């Protein structure tokens, strides 16, 4: 009977061992599936990290290009400012030159009046009001009168 009992217990233990091994095999299969799924997930994560890294690299290149563009804009603005300052200086010089030429023209008018008076042409009543064409016209009139006449210049007087 002891042998029978021992055999019965051995058979029961063998069935339990077989059940435990079957459960272990099933758990190993499930663990393998979980491990494979985890590996695929890690591969996706690594792929996304690579794509994110590429995008960050592209952003860095874009930022560098934008920075260079901004530097070019700043440089161009500096050049524009310089040109504007040069234009302002040239305008001031042109205005000063125009004033100087006007002063010289008015001085010349006075000289022409004096010369005209010396040759007998009275220009005291003529006002030129800074009008160069009127001056040229009056000088041409004096020239025509003096060329036509053989009379000494002091005797010739024209009044306006």
C-alpha atoms as a PDB file:
ATOM      1  CA  UNK A   1       0.000   0.000   0.000  1.00  0.00           C
ATOM      2  CA  UNK A   2       2.780   2.355   0.641  1.00  0.00           C
ATOM      3  CA  UNK A   3       4.121   1.707  -2.803  1.00  0.00           C
ATOM      4  CA  UNK A   4       0.684   2.377  -4.189  1.00  0.00           C
ATOM      5  CA  UNK A   5       0.386   5.564  -2.232  1.00  0.00           C
ATOM      6  CA  UNK A   6       3.863   6.596  -3.301  1.00  0.00           C
ATOM      7  CA  UNK A   7       3.027   5.853  -6.935  1.00  0.00           C
ATOM      8  CA  UNK A   8      -0.209   7.790  -6.625  1.00  0.00           C
ATOM      9  CA  UNK A   9       1.607  10.768  -5.137  1.00  0.00           C
ATOM     10  CA  UNK A  10       4.282  10.543  -7.829  1.00  0.00           C
ATOM     11  CA  UNK A  11       1.609  10.516 -10.530  1.00  0.00           C
ATOM     12  CA  UNK A  12      -0.099  13.517  -8.944  1.00  0.00           C
ATOM     13  CA  UNK A  13       3.225  15.339  -8.619  1.00  0.00           C
ATOM     14  CA  UNK A  14       4.019  14.538 -12.252  1.00  0.00           C
ATOM     15  CA  UNK A  15       0.642  15.956 -13.357  1.00  0.00           C
ATOM     16  CA  UNK A  16       1.232  19.062 -11.267  1.00  0.00           C
ATOM     17  CA  UNK A  17       4.737  19.404 -12.712  1.00  0.00           C
ATOM     18  CA  UNK A  18       3.311  18.983 -16.228  1.00  0.00           C
ATOM     19  CA  UNK A  19       0.688  21.668 -15.501  1.00  0.00           C
ATOM     20  CA  UNK A  20       3.352  24.011 -14.067  1.00  0.00           C
ATOM     21  CA  UNK A  21       5.578  23.454 -17.130  1.00  0.00           C
ATOM     22  CA  UNK A  22       2.610  24.114 -19.468  1.00  0.00           C
ATOM     23  CA  UNK A  23       1.809  27.330 -17.575  1.00  0.00           C
ATOM     24  CA  UNK A  24       5.464  28.339 -17.697  1.00  0.00           C
ATOM     25  CA  UNK A  25       5.596  27.713 -21.459  1.00  0.00           C
ATOM     26  CA  UNK A  26       2.435  29.786 -21.892  1.00  0.00           C
ATOM     27  CA  UNK A  27       3.892  32.590 -19.742  1.00  0.00           C
ATOM     28  CA  UNK A  28       7.147  32.434 -21.755  1.00  0.00           C
ATOM     29  CA  UNK A  29       5.121  32.770 -24.988  1.00  0.00           C
ATOM     30  CA  UNK A  30       3.225  35.731 -23.573  1.00  0.00           C
ATOM     31  CA  UNK A  31       6.497  37.248 -22.284  1.00  0.00           C
ATOM     32  CA  UNK A  32       8.064  36.821 -25.717  1.00  0.00           C
ATOM     33  CA  UNK A  33       5.093  38.601 -27.314  1.00  0.00           C
ATOM     34  CA  UNK A  34       5.382  41.435 -24.742  1.00  0.00           C
ATOM     35  CA  UNK A  35       9.145  41.625 -25.319  1.00  0.00           C
ATOM     36  CA  UNK A  36       8.666  41.775 -29.112  1.00  0.00           C
ATOM     37  CA  UNK A  37       5.978  44.469 -28.758  1.00  0.00           C
ATOM     38  CA  UNK A  38       8.282  46.425 -26.411  1.00  0.00           C
ATOM     39  CA  UNK A  39      11.152  46.076 -28.897  1.00  0.00           C
ATOM     40  CA  UNK A  40       8.913  47.401 -31.708  1.00  0.00           C
ATOM     41  CA  UNK A  41       7.818  50.295 -29.472  1.00  0.00           C
ATOM     42  CA  UNK A  42      11.467  51.138 -28.691  1.00  0.00           C
ATOM     43  CA  UNK A  43      12.272  51.007 -32.417  1.00  0.00           C
ATOM     44  CA  UNK A  44       9.410  53.452 -33.067  1.00  0.00           C
ATOM     45  CA  UNK A  45      10.652  55.700 -30.238  1.00  0.00           C
ATOM     46  CA  UNK A  46      14.210  55.640 -31.650  1.00  0.00           C
ATOM     47  CA  UNK A  47      12.821  56.432 -35.129  1.00  0.00           C
ATOM     48  CA  UNK A  48      10.794  59.353 -33.739  1.00  0.00           C
ATOM     49  CA  UNK A  49      13.872  60.594 -31.841  1.00  0.00           C
ATOM     50  CA  UNK A  50      15.886  60.493 -35.100  1.00  0.00           C
ATOM     51  CA  UNK A  51      13.134  62.403 -36.937  1.00  0.00           C
ATOM     52  CA  UNK A  52      12.935  64.936 -34.097  1.00  0.00           C
ATOM     53  CA  UNK A  53      16.716  65.311 -34.188  1.00  0.00           C
ATOM     54  CA  UNK A  54      16.572  65.900 -37.969  1.00  0.00           C
ATOM     55  CA  UNK A  55      13.854  68.528 -37.503  1.00  0.00           C
ATOM     56  CA  UNK A  56      15.897  70.232 -34.774  1.00  0.00           C
ATOM     57  CA  UNK A  57      18.875  70.243 -37.156  1.00  0.00           C
ATOM     58  CA  UNK A  58      16.752  71.816 -39.887  1.00  0.00           C
ATOM     59  CA  UNK A  59      15.481  74.400 -37.413  1.00  0.00           C
ATOM     60  CA  UNK A  60      19.061  75.188 -36.389  1.00  0.00           C
ATOM     61  CA  UNK A  61      20.041  75.663 -40.060  1.00  0.00           C
ATOM     62  CA  UNK A  62      16.978  77.860 -40.616  1.00  0.00           C
ATOM     63  CA  UNK A  63      17.784  79.931 -37.535  1.00  0.00           C
ATOM     64  CA  UNK A  64      21.356  80.385 -38.765  1.00  0.00           C
ATOM     65  CA  UNK A  65      20.129  81.432 -42.224  1.00  0.00           C
ATOM     66  CA  UNK A  66      17.597  83.798 -40.661  1.00  0.00           C
ATOM     67  CA  UNK A  67      20.305  85.272 -38.458  1.00  0.00           C
ATOM     68  CA  UNK A  68      22.535  85.805 -41.492  1.00  0.00           C
ATOM     69  CA  UNK A  69      19.591  87.396 -43.310  1.00  0.00           C
ATOM     70  CA  UNK A  70      18.969  89.711 -40.362  1.00  0.00           C
ATOM     71  CA  UNK A  71      22.659  90.643 -40.333  1.00  0.00           C
ATOM     72  CA  UNK A  72      22.438  91.452 -44.046  1.00  0.00           C
ATOM     73  CA  UNK A  73      19.330  93.556 -43.439  1.00  0.00           C
ATOM     74  CA  UNK A  74      21.083  95.383 -40.585  1.00  0.00           C
ATOM     75  CA  UNK A  75      24.124  95.956 -42.782  1.00  0.00           C
ATOM     76  CA  UNK A  76      21.921  97.211 -45.624  1.00  0.00           C
ATOM     77  CA  UNK A  77      20.117  99.549 -43.242  1.00  0.00           C
ATOM     78  CA  UNK A  78      23.515 100.896 -42.170  1.00  0.00           C
ATOM     79  CA  UNK A  79      24.427 101.513 -45.817  1.00  0.00           C
ATOM     80  CA  UNK A  80      21.050 103.186 -46.429  1.00  0.00           C
ATOM     81  CA  UNK A  81      21.607 105.383 -43.380  1.00  0.00           C
ATOM     82  CA  UNK A  82      25.080 106.300 -44.630  1.00  0.00           C
ATOM     83  CA  UNK A  83      23.720 107.153 -48.093  1.00  0.00           C
ATOM     84  CA  UNK A  84      20.939 109.229 -46.535  1.00  0.00           C
ATOM     85  CA  UNK A  85      23.488 111.139 -44.459  1.00  0.00           C
ATOM     86  CA  UNK A  86      25.657 111.669 -47.548  1.00  0.00           C
ATOM     87  CA  UNK A  87      22.615 112.880 -49.489  1.00  0.00           C
ATOM     88  CA  UNK A  88      21.757 115.291 -46.698  1.00  0.00           C
ATOM     89  CA  UNK A  89      25.333 116.593 -46.697  1.00  0.00           C
ATOM     90  CA  UNK A  90      25.314 116.969 -50.505  1.00  0.00           C
ATOM     91  CA  UNK A  91      21.954 118.770 -50.311  1.00  0.00           C
ATOM     92  CA  UNK A  92      23.340 121.159 -47.711  1.00  0.00           C
ATOM     93  CA  UNK A  93      26.400 121.764 -49.888  1.00  0.00           C
ATOM     94  CA  UNK A  94      24.201 122.325 -52.960  1.00  0.00           C
ATOM     95  CA  UNK A  95      22.031 124.773 -51.029  1.00  0.00           C
ATOM     96  CA  UNK A  96      25.113 126.632 -49.809  1.00  0.00           C
ATOM     97  CA  UNK A  97      26.517 126.691 -53.359  1.00  0.00           C
ATOM     98  CA  UNK A  98      23.188 127.986 -54.680  1.00  0.00           C
ATOM     99  CA  UNK A  99      23.189 130.758 -52.088  1.00  0.00           C
ATOM    100  CA  UNK A 100      26.783 131.631 -52.975  1.00  0.00           C
ATOM    101  CA  UNK A 101      25.962 131.676 -56.701  1.00  0.00           C
ATOM    102  CA  UNK A 102      22.932 133.864 -55.998  1.00  0.00           C
ATOM    103  CA  UNK A 103      25.088 136.266 -53.998  1.00  0.00           C
ATOM    104  CA  UNK A 104      27.649 136.328 -56.798  1.00  0.00           C
ATOM    105  CA  UNK A 105      24.916 136.902 -59.374  1.00  0.00           C
ATOM    106  CA  UNK A 106      23.517 139.808 -57.373  1.00  0.00           C
ATOM    107  CA  UNK A 107      27.030 141.204 -57.023  1.00  0.00           C
ATOM    108  CA  UNK A 108      27.447 140.845 -60.762  1.00  0.00           C
ATOM    109  CA  UNK A 109      24.149 142.698 -61.303  1.00  0.00           C
ATOM    110  CA  UNK A 110      25.537 145.595 -59.291  1.00  0.00           C
ATOM    111  CA  UNK A 111      28.733 145.537 -61.344  1.00  0.00           C
ATOM    112  CA  UNK A 112      26.713 145.454 -64.575  1.00  0.00           C
ATOM    113  CA  UNK A 113      24.612 148.374 -63.338  1.00  0.00           C
ATOM    114  CA  UNK A 114      27.793 150.317 -62.542  1.00  0.00           C
ATOM    115  CA  UNK A 115      29.288 149.503 -65.944  1.00  0.00           C
ATOM    116  CA  UNK A 116      26.011 150.370 -67.694  1.00  0.00           C
ATOM    117  CA  UNK A 117      25.923 153.690 -65.846  1.00  0.00           C
ATOM    118  CA  UNK A 118      29.522 154.330 -66.912  1.00  0.00           C
ATOM    119  CA  UNK A 119      28.622 153.811 -70.563  1.00  0.00           C
ATOM    120  CA  UNK A 120      25.524 155.945 -70.295  1.00  0.00           C
ATOM    121  CA  UNK A 121      22.820 153.340 -69.812  1.00  0.00           C
ATOM    122  CA  UNK A 122      20.680 154.004 -66.750  1.00  0.00           C
ATOM    123  CA  UNK A 123      19.706 150.759 -64.949  1.00  0.00           C
ATOM    124  CA  UNK A 124      19.014 152.236 -61.518  1.00  0.00           C
ATOM    125  CA  UNK A 125      15.251 151.808 -61.892  1.00  0.00           C
ATOM    126  CA  UNK A 126      15.484 148.172 -62.998  1.00  0.00           C
ATOM    127  CA  UNK A 127      14.843 145.529 -60.362  1.00  0.00           C
ATOM    128  CA  UNK A 128      16.050 142.034 -61.163  1.00  0.00           C
ATOM    129  CA  UNK A 129      14.604 140.333 -58.082  1.00  0.00           C
ATOM    130  CA  UNK A 130      16.986 137.397 -58.352  1.00  0.00           C
ATOM    131  CA  UNK A 131      15.838 136.666 -61.928  1.00  0.00           C
ATOM    132  CA  UNK A 132      18.870 135.674 -64.024  1.00  0.00           C
ATOM    133  CA  UNK A 133      16.948 135.717 -67.346  1.00  0.00           C
ATOM    134  CA  UNK A 134      16.038 139.377 -66.830  1.00  0.00           C
ATOM    135  CA  UNK A 135      19.698 140.207 -66.199  1.00  0.00           C
ATOM    136  CA  UNK A 136      20.782 138.430 -69.397  1.00  0.00           C
ATOM    137  CA  UNK A 137      18.045 140.243 -71.362  1.00  0.00           C
ATOM    138  CA  UNK A 138      19.132 143.669 -70.093  1.00  0.00           C
ATOM    139  CA  UNK A 139      22.813 142.935 -70.792  1.00  0.00           C
ATOM    140  CA  UNK A 140      21.935 141.895 -74.355  1.00  0.00           C
ATOM    141  CA  UNK A 141      19.982 145.139 -74.803  1.00  0.00           C
ATOM    142  CA  UNK A 142      23.028 147.142 -73.669  1.00  0.00           C
ATOM    143  CA  UNK A 143      25.227 145.139 -76.029  1.00  0.00           C
ATOM    144  CA  UNK A 144      22.892 145.770 -79.001  1.00  0.00           C
ATOM    145  CA  UNK A 145      22.696 149.476 -78.248  1.00  0.00           C
ATOM    146  CA  UNK A 146      26.446 149.871 -77.896  1.00  0.00           C
ATOM    147  CA  UNK A 147      27.197 147.926 -81.078  1.00  0.00           C
ATOM    148  CA  UNK A 148      24.777 149.983 -83.204  1.00  0.00           C
ATOM    149  CA  UNK A 149      26.022 153.344 -82.025  1.00  0.00           C
ATOM    150  CA  UNK A 150      29.233 155.057 -82.889  1.00  0.00           C
ATOM    151  CA  UNK A 151      28.336 157.792 -80.379  1.00  0.00           C
ATOM    152  CA  UNK A 152      30.478 157.774 -77.254  1.00  0.00           C
ATOM    153  CA  UNK A 153      28.857 155.610 -74.588  1.00  0.00           C
ATOM    154  CA  UNK A 154      28.356 158.371 -71.977  1.00  0.00           C
ATOM    155  CA  UNK A 155      26.149 160.365 -74.266  1.00  0.00           C
ATOM    156  CA  UNK A 156      23.806 157.478 -74.845  1.00  0.00           C
ATOM    157  CA  UNK A 157      21.169 157.145 -72.157  1.00  0.00           C
ATOM    158  CA  UNK A 158      18.149 154.992 -72.182  1.00  0.00           C
ATOM    159  CA  UNK A 159      15.562 155.297 -69.462  1.00  0.00           C
ATOM    160  CA  UNK A 160      13.040 152.746 -68.524  1.00  0.00           C
END
